[in-house]
Amino acid sequence: MFEHKVLKFTYGWKGFDYVAMERELSELGAQGWEAVGTIVPSVGAGQSIEIGVILKRTRS
Protein backbone atom coordinates (compact mmCIF):
# COMPACT_ATOMS: atom_id res chain seq x y z
CA MET A 1 0.00 0.00 0.00
CA PHE A 2 1.15 3.52 -0.80
CA GLU A 3 0.24 6.98 0.32
CA HIS A 4 0.50 9.89 -2.10
CA LYS A 5 1.23 13.59 -1.96
CA VAL A 6 1.15 16.37 -4.56
CA LEU A 7 3.46 19.36 -4.17
CA LYS A 8 2.72 22.58 -6.03
CA PHE A 9 5.51 24.97 -6.97
CA THR A 10 4.44 28.35 -8.34
CA TYR A 11 6.26 30.58 -10.81
CA GLY A 12 7.53 33.63 -8.95
CA TRP A 13 8.90 37.04 -9.85
CA LYS A 14 12.26 35.51 -10.83
CA GLY A 15 10.90 32.24 -12.20
CA PHE A 16 10.82 28.91 -10.40
CA ASP A 17 12.95 28.63 -7.26
CA TYR A 18 14.74 25.41 -8.18
CA VAL A 19 17.01 25.55 -5.11
CA ALA A 20 13.96 25.59 -2.81
CA MET A 21 12.34 22.83 -4.88
CA GLU A 22 15.42 20.62 -4.54
CA ARG A 23 15.62 21.32 -0.80
CA GLU A 24 11.96 20.36 -0.23
CA LEU A 25 12.21 17.24 -2.39
CA SER A 26 15.38 16.16 -0.56
CA GLU A 27 13.72 16.66 2.83
CA LEU A 28 10.72 14.60 1.75
CA GLY A 29 13.03 11.97 0.22
CA ALA A 30 14.68 11.57 3.62
CA GLN A 31 11.18 10.82 4.98
CA GLY A 32 10.70 8.04 2.42
CA TRP A 33 8.84 9.99 -0.28
CA GLU A 34 9.72 9.30 -3.92
CA ALA A 35 8.85 11.59 -6.85
CA VAL A 36 6.98 9.53 -9.44
CA GLY A 37 5.57 12.12 -11.82
CA THR A 38 4.89 15.74 -12.63
CA ILE A 39 1.94 17.84 -13.70
CA VAL A 40 2.80 20.96 -15.69
CA PRO A 41 -0.35 22.73 -16.83
CA SER A 42 0.18 25.47 -19.40
CA VAL A 43 -1.71 28.68 -20.01
CA GLY A 44 -1.72 31.13 -22.87
CA ALA A 45 1.04 30.46 -25.37
CA GLY A 46 2.28 27.34 -23.61
CA GLN A 47 3.67 29.06 -20.53
CA SER A 48 3.62 27.18 -17.24
CA ILE A 49 2.87 29.05 -14.03
CA GLU A 50 3.08 26.08 -11.71
CA ILE A 51 4.61 22.63 -11.43
CA GLY A 52 2.96 19.79 -9.56
CA VAL A 53 5.15 16.95 -8.35
CA ILE A 54 3.50 13.64 -7.46
CA LEU A 55 5.15 11.68 -4.66
CA LYS A 56 4.51 8.28 -3.10
CA ARG A 57 5.83 6.26 -0.20
CA THR A 58 5.06 2.93 1.36
CA ARG A 59 2.41 3.23 4.03
CA SER A 60 3.80 2.19 7.39
PDB file of N, CA and C in Angstrom:
ATOM      1  N   MET A   1       0.827  -1.179   0.000  1.00  0.00           N
ATOM      2  CA  MET A   1       0.000   0.000   0.000  1.00  0.00           C
ATOM      3  C   MET A   1       0.877   1.251   0.000  1.00  0.00           C
ATOM      4  N   PHE A   2       0.425   2.252  -0.720  1.00  0.00           N
ATOM      5  CA  PHE A   2       1.150   3.522  -0.801  1.00  0.00           C
ATOM      6  C   PHE A   2       0.273   4.672  -0.328  1.00  0.00           C
ATOM      7  N   GLU A   3       0.923   5.712   0.120  1.00  0.00           N
ATOM      8  CA  GLU A   3       0.237   6.983   0.317  1.00  0.00           C
ATOM      9  C   GLU A   3       0.845   7.963  -0.666  1.00  0.00           C
ATOM     10  N   HIS A   4       0.069   8.961  -1.056  1.00  0.00           N
ATOM     11  CA  HIS A   4       0.502   9.888  -2.101  1.00  0.00           C
ATOM     12  C   HIS A   4       0.408  11.327  -1.631  1.00  0.00           C
ATOM     13  N   LYS A   5       1.181  12.169  -2.271  1.00  0.00           N
ATOM     14  CA  LYS A   5       1.226  13.592  -1.959  1.00  0.00           C
ATOM     15  C   LYS A   5       1.473  14.335  -3.264  1.00  0.00           C
ATOM     16  N   VAL A   6       0.886  15.515  -3.402  1.00  0.00           N
ATOM     17  CA  VAL A   6       1.152  16.365  -4.561  1.00  0.00           C
ATOM     18  C   VAL A   6       1.683  17.701  -4.055  1.00  0.00           C
ATOM     19  N   LEU A   7       2.868  18.066  -4.498  1.00  0.00           N
ATOM     20  CA  LEU A   7       3.456  19.365  -4.173  1.00  0.00           C
ATOM     21  C   LEU A   7       3.172  20.326  -5.311  1.00  0.00           C
ATOM     22  N   LYS A   8       2.934  21.580  -4.984  1.00  0.00           N
ATOM     23  CA  LYS A   8       2.720  22.584  -6.030  1.00  0.00           C
ATOM     24  C   LYS A   8       3.774  23.675  -5.869  1.00  0.00           C
ATOM     25  N   PHE A   9       4.514  23.905  -6.933  1.00  0.00           N
ATOM     26  CA  PHE A   9       5.513  24.969  -6.970  1.00  0.00           C
ATOM     27  C   PHE A   9       5.030  26.018  -7.962  1.00  0.00           C
ATOM     28  N   THR A  10       4.993  27.266  -7.531  1.00  0.00           N
ATOM     29  CA  THR A  10       4.438  28.345  -8.339  1.00  0.00           C
ATOM     30  C   THR A  10       5.546  29.222  -8.915  1.00  0.00           C
ATOM     31  N   TYR A  11       5.339  29.675 -10.122  1.00  0.00           N
ATOM     32  CA  TYR A  11       6.259  30.578 -10.807  1.00  0.00           C
ATOM     33  C   TYR A  11       6.258  31.919 -10.078  1.00  0.00           C
ATOM     34  N   GLY A  12       7.425  32.374  -9.668  1.00  0.00           N
ATOM     35  CA  GLY A  12       7.533  33.634  -8.946  1.00  0.00           C
ATOM     36  C   GLY A  12       8.083  34.750  -9.808  1.00  0.00           C
ATOM     37  N   TRP A  13       8.382  35.854  -9.167  1.00  0.00           N
ATOM     38  CA  TRP A  13       8.898  37.043  -9.852  1.00  0.00           C
ATOM     39  C   TRP A  13      10.143  36.724 -10.676  1.00  0.00           C
ATOM     40  N   LYS A  14      11.010  35.857 -10.135  1.00  0.00           N
ATOM     41  CA  LYS A  14      12.260  35.510 -10.830  1.00  0.00           C
ATOM     42  C   LYS A  14      12.215  34.105 -11.413  1.00  0.00           C
ATOM     43  N   GLY A  15      11.031  33.583 -11.643  1.00  0.00           N
ATOM     44  CA  GLY A  15      10.902  32.240 -12.200  1.00  0.00           C
ATOM     45  C   GLY A  15      10.679  31.211 -11.100  1.00  0.00           C
ATOM     46  N   PHE A  16      10.951  29.972 -11.393  1.00  0.00           N
ATOM     47  CA  PHE A  16      10.820  28.911 -10.401  1.00  0.00           C
ATOM     48  C   PHE A  16      12.051  28.905  -9.507  1.00  0.00           C
ATOM     49  N   ASP A  17      11.851  28.682  -8.219  1.00  0.00           N
ATOM     50  CA  ASP A  17      12.954  28.632  -7.257  1.00  0.00           C
ATOM     51  C   ASP A  17      13.429  27.180  -7.171  1.00  0.00           C
ATOM     52  N   TYR A  18      14.298  26.806  -8.094  1.00  0.00           N
ATOM     53  CA  TYR A  18      14.744  25.415  -8.182  1.00  0.00           C
ATOM     54  C   TYR A  18      15.536  24.978  -6.956  1.00  0.00           C
ATOM     55  N   VAL A  19      16.248  25.887  -6.325  1.00  0.00           N
ATOM     56  CA  VAL A  19      17.005  25.546  -5.114  1.00  0.00           C
ATOM     57  C   VAL A  19      16.032  25.139  -4.008  1.00  0.00           C
ATOM     58  N   ALA A  20      14.965  25.914  -3.823  1.00  0.00           N
ATOM     59  CA  ALA A  20      13.960  25.586  -2.810  1.00  0.00           C
ATOM     60  C   ALA A  20      13.243  24.283  -3.162  1.00  0.00           C
ATOM     61  N   MET A  21      12.985  24.065  -4.453  1.00  0.00           N
ATOM     62  CA  MET A  21      12.335  22.833  -4.882  1.00  0.00           C
ATOM     63  C   MET A  21      13.214  21.629  -4.533  1.00  0.00           C
ATOM     64  N   GLU A  22      14.505  21.716  -4.839  1.00  0.00           N
ATOM     65  CA  GLU A  22      15.422  20.617  -4.535  1.00  0.00           C
ATOM     66  C   GLU A  22      15.505  20.372  -3.034  1.00  0.00           C
ATOM     67  N   ARG A  23      15.530  21.447  -2.257  1.00  0.00           N
ATOM     68  CA  ARG A  23      15.616  21.315  -0.804  1.00  0.00           C
ATOM     69  C   ARG A  23      14.377  20.585  -0.266  1.00  0.00           C
ATOM     70  N   GLU A  24      13.190  21.003  -0.711  1.00  0.00           N
ATOM     71  CA  GLU A  24      11.962  20.364  -0.226  1.00  0.00           C
ATOM     72  C   GLU A  24      11.870  18.911  -0.665  1.00  0.00           C
ATOM     73  N   LEU A  25      12.243  18.623  -1.911  1.00  0.00           N
ATOM     74  CA  LEU A  25      12.211  17.245  -2.385  1.00  0.00           C
ATOM     75  C   LEU A  25      13.222  16.372  -1.641  1.00  0.00           C
ATOM     76  N   SER A  26      14.387  16.918  -1.325  1.00  0.00           N
ATOM     77  CA  SER A  26      15.385  16.161  -0.561  1.00  0.00           C
ATOM     78  C   SER A  26      14.904  15.872   0.855  1.00  0.00           C
ATOM     79  N   GLU A  27      14.262  16.862   1.481  1.00  0.00           N
ATOM     80  CA  GLU A  27      13.723  16.659   2.833  1.00  0.00           C
ATOM     81  C   GLU A  27      12.645  15.569   2.824  1.00  0.00           C
ATOM     82  N   LEU A  28      11.764  15.620   1.841  1.00  0.00           N
ATOM     83  CA  LEU A  28      10.720  14.603   1.747  1.00  0.00           C
ATOM     84  C   LEU A  28      11.310  13.239   1.382  1.00  0.00           C
ATOM     85  N   GLY A  29      12.361  13.220   0.551  1.00  0.00           N
ATOM     86  CA  GLY A  29      13.028  11.970   0.216  1.00  0.00           C
ATOM     87  C   GLY A  29      13.613  11.305   1.452  1.00  0.00           C
ATOM     88  N   ALA A  30      14.133  12.106   2.376  1.00  0.00           N
ATOM     89  CA  ALA A  30      14.677  11.572   3.624  1.00  0.00           C
ATOM     90  C   ALA A  30      13.572  10.956   4.489  1.00  0.00           C
ATOM     91  N   GLN A  31      12.322  11.361   4.245  1.00  0.00           N
ATOM     92  CA  GLN A  31      11.177  10.816   4.981  1.00  0.00           C
ATOM     93  C   GLN A  31      10.547   9.631   4.251  1.00  0.00           C
ATOM     94  N   GLY A  32      11.176   9.212   3.149  1.00  0.00           N
ATOM     95  CA  GLY A  32      10.699   8.045   2.419  1.00  0.00           C
ATOM     96  C   GLY A  32       9.840   8.342   1.198  1.00  0.00           C
ATOM     97  N   TRP A  33       9.635   9.629   0.889  1.00  0.00           N
ATOM     98  CA  TRP A  33       8.836   9.991  -0.282  1.00  0.00           C
ATOM     99  C   TRP A  33       9.675   9.875  -1.544  1.00  0.00           C
ATOM    100  N   GLU A  34       9.054   9.434  -2.631  1.00  0.00           N
ATOM    101  CA  GLU A  34       9.715   9.297  -3.921  1.00  0.00           C
ATOM    102  C   GLU A  34       8.891  10.028  -4.977  1.00  0.00           C
ATOM    103  N   ALA A  35       9.538  10.894  -5.754  1.00  0.00           N
ATOM    104  CA  ALA A  35       8.850  11.585  -6.851  1.00  0.00           C
ATOM    105  C   ALA A  35       8.595  10.574  -7.967  1.00  0.00           C
ATOM    106  N   VAL A  36       7.339  10.499  -8.410  1.00  0.00           N
ATOM    107  CA  VAL A  36       6.982   9.526  -9.436  1.00  0.00           C
ATOM    108  C   VAL A  36       6.382  10.166 -10.682  1.00  0.00           C
ATOM    109  N   GLY A  37       6.143  11.474 -10.643  1.00  0.00           N
ATOM    110  CA  GLY A  37       5.574  12.123 -11.818  1.00  0.00           C
ATOM    111  C   GLY A  37       5.430  13.619 -11.611  1.00  0.00           C
ATOM    112  N   THR A  38       5.106  14.295 -12.690  1.00  0.00           N
ATOM    113  CA  THR A  38       4.891  15.737 -12.635  1.00  0.00           C
ATOM    114  C   THR A  38       3.621  16.105 -13.389  1.00  0.00           C
ATOM    115  N   ILE A  39       3.070  17.243 -13.007  1.00  0.00           N
ATOM    116  CA  ILE A  39       1.935  17.837 -13.702  1.00  0.00           C
ATOM    117  C   ILE A  39       2.367  19.259 -14.025  1.00  0.00           C
ATOM    118  N   VAL A  40       2.364  19.621 -15.301  1.00  0.00           N
ATOM    119  CA  VAL A  40       2.798  20.962 -15.692  1.00  0.00           C
ATOM    120  C   VAL A  40       1.730  21.558 -16.616  1.00  0.00           C
ATOM    121  N   PRO A  41       0.679  22.124 -16.002  1.00  0.00           N
ATOM    122  CA  PRO A  41      -0.353  22.732 -16.834  1.00  0.00           C
ATOM    123  C   PRO A  41       0.184  23.995 -17.511  1.00  0.00           C
ATOM    124  N   SER A  42      -0.280  24.266 -18.702  1.00  0.00           N
ATOM    125  CA  SER A  42       0.180  25.468 -19.402  1.00  0.00           C
ATOM    126  C   SER A  42      -1.003  26.392 -19.657  1.00  0.00           C
ATOM    127  N   VAL A  43      -0.698  27.668 -19.738  1.00  0.00           N
ATOM    128  CA  VAL A  43      -1.714  28.685 -20.013  1.00  0.00           C
ATOM    129  C   VAL A  43      -1.221  29.552 -21.155  1.00  0.00           C
ATOM    130  N   GLY A  44      -2.125  30.218 -21.806  1.00  0.00           N
ATOM    131  CA  GLY A  44      -1.720  31.126 -22.873  1.00  0.00           C
ATOM    132  C   GLY A  44      -0.957  30.428 -23.965  1.00  0.00           C
ATOM    133  N   ALA A  45       0.206  30.977 -24.274  1.00  0.00           N
ATOM    134  CA  ALA A  45       1.036  30.461 -25.365  1.00  0.00           C
ATOM    135  C   ALA A  45       1.989  29.377 -24.867  1.00  0.00           C
ATOM    136  N   GLY A  46       1.467  28.457 -24.072  1.00  0.00           N
ATOM    137  CA  GLY A  46       2.283  27.339 -23.607  1.00  0.00           C
ATOM    138  C   GLY A  46       3.137  27.631 -22.402  1.00  0.00           C
ATOM    139  N   GLN A  47       2.884  28.731 -21.714  1.00  0.00           N
ATOM    140  CA  GLN A  47       3.668  29.064 -20.526  1.00  0.00           C
ATOM    141  C   GLN A  47       3.117  28.322 -19.313  1.00  0.00           C
ATOM    142  N   SER A  48       4.009  27.856 -18.462  1.00  0.00           N
ATOM    143  CA  SER A  48       3.617  27.177 -17.238  1.00  0.00           C
ATOM    144  C   SER A  48       3.796  28.124 -16.059  1.00  0.00           C
ATOM    145  N   ILE A  49       2.772  28.187 -15.206  1.00  0.00           N
ATOM    146  CA  ILE A  49       2.871  29.054 -14.034  1.00  0.00           C
ATOM    147  C   ILE A  49       2.983  28.248 -12.752  1.00  0.00           C
ATOM    148  N   GLU A  50       2.879  26.927 -12.877  1.00  0.00           N
ATOM    149  CA  GLU A  50       3.082  26.081 -11.710  1.00  0.00           C
ATOM    150  C   GLU A  50       3.521  24.689 -12.154  1.00  0.00           C
ATOM    151  N   ILE A  51       4.168  24.009 -11.227  1.00  0.00           N
ATOM    152  CA  ILE A  51       4.610  22.632 -11.435  1.00  0.00           C
ATOM    153  C   ILE A  51       4.068  21.815 -10.276  1.00  0.00           C
ATOM    154  N   GLY A  52       3.404  20.727 -10.588  1.00  0.00           N
ATOM    155  CA  GLY A  52       2.963  19.791  -9.558  1.00  0.00           C
ATOM    156  C   GLY A  52       3.862  18.569  -9.601  1.00  0.00           C
ATOM    157  N   VAL A  53       4.310  18.143  -8.440  1.00  0.00           N
ATOM    158  CA  VAL A  53       5.153  16.947  -8.346  1.00  0.00           C
ATOM    159  C   VAL A  53       4.389  15.906  -7.536  1.00  0.00           C
ATOM    160  N   ILE A  54       4.219  14.727  -8.118  1.00  0.00           N
ATOM    161  CA  ILE A  54       3.498  13.644  -7.462  1.00  0.00           C
ATOM    162  C   ILE A  54       4.519  12.762  -6.749  1.00  0.00           C
ATOM    163  N   LEU A  55       4.254  12.505  -5.473  1.00  0.00           N
ATOM    164  CA  LEU A  55       5.152  11.678  -4.662  1.00  0.00           C
ATOM    165  C   LEU A  55       4.390  10.499  -4.081  1.00  0.00           C
ATOM    166  N   LYS A  56       5.116   9.428  -3.773  1.00  0.00           N
ATOM    167  CA  LYS A  56       4.510   8.282  -3.099  1.00  0.00           C
ATOM    168  C   LYS A  56       5.516   7.718  -2.114  1.00  0.00           C
ATOM    169  N   ARG A  57       4.988   7.025  -1.116  1.00  0.00           N
ATOM    170  CA  ARG A  57       5.833   6.259  -0.197  1.00  0.00           C
ATOM    171  C   ARG A  57       5.019   5.100   0.339  1.00  0.00           C
ATOM    172  N   THR A  58       5.722   4.104   0.789  1.00  0.00           N
ATOM    173  CA  THR A  58       5.058   2.931   1.356  1.00  0.00           C
ATOM    174  C   THR A  58       4.397   3.323   2.661  1.00  0.00           C
ATOM    175  N   ARG A  59       3.153   2.943   2.798  1.00  0.00           N
ATOM    176  CA  ARG A  59       2.410   3.226   4.026  1.00  0.00           C
ATOM    177  C   ARG A  59       2.965   2.368   5.135  1.00  0.00           C
ATOM    178  N   SER A  60       3.235   2.973   6.286  1.00  0.00           N
ATOM    179  CA  SER A  60       3.805   2.185   7.387  1.00  0.00           C
ATOM    180  C   SER A  60       2.771   1.699   8.371  1.00  0.00           C
TER     181      SER A  60
END
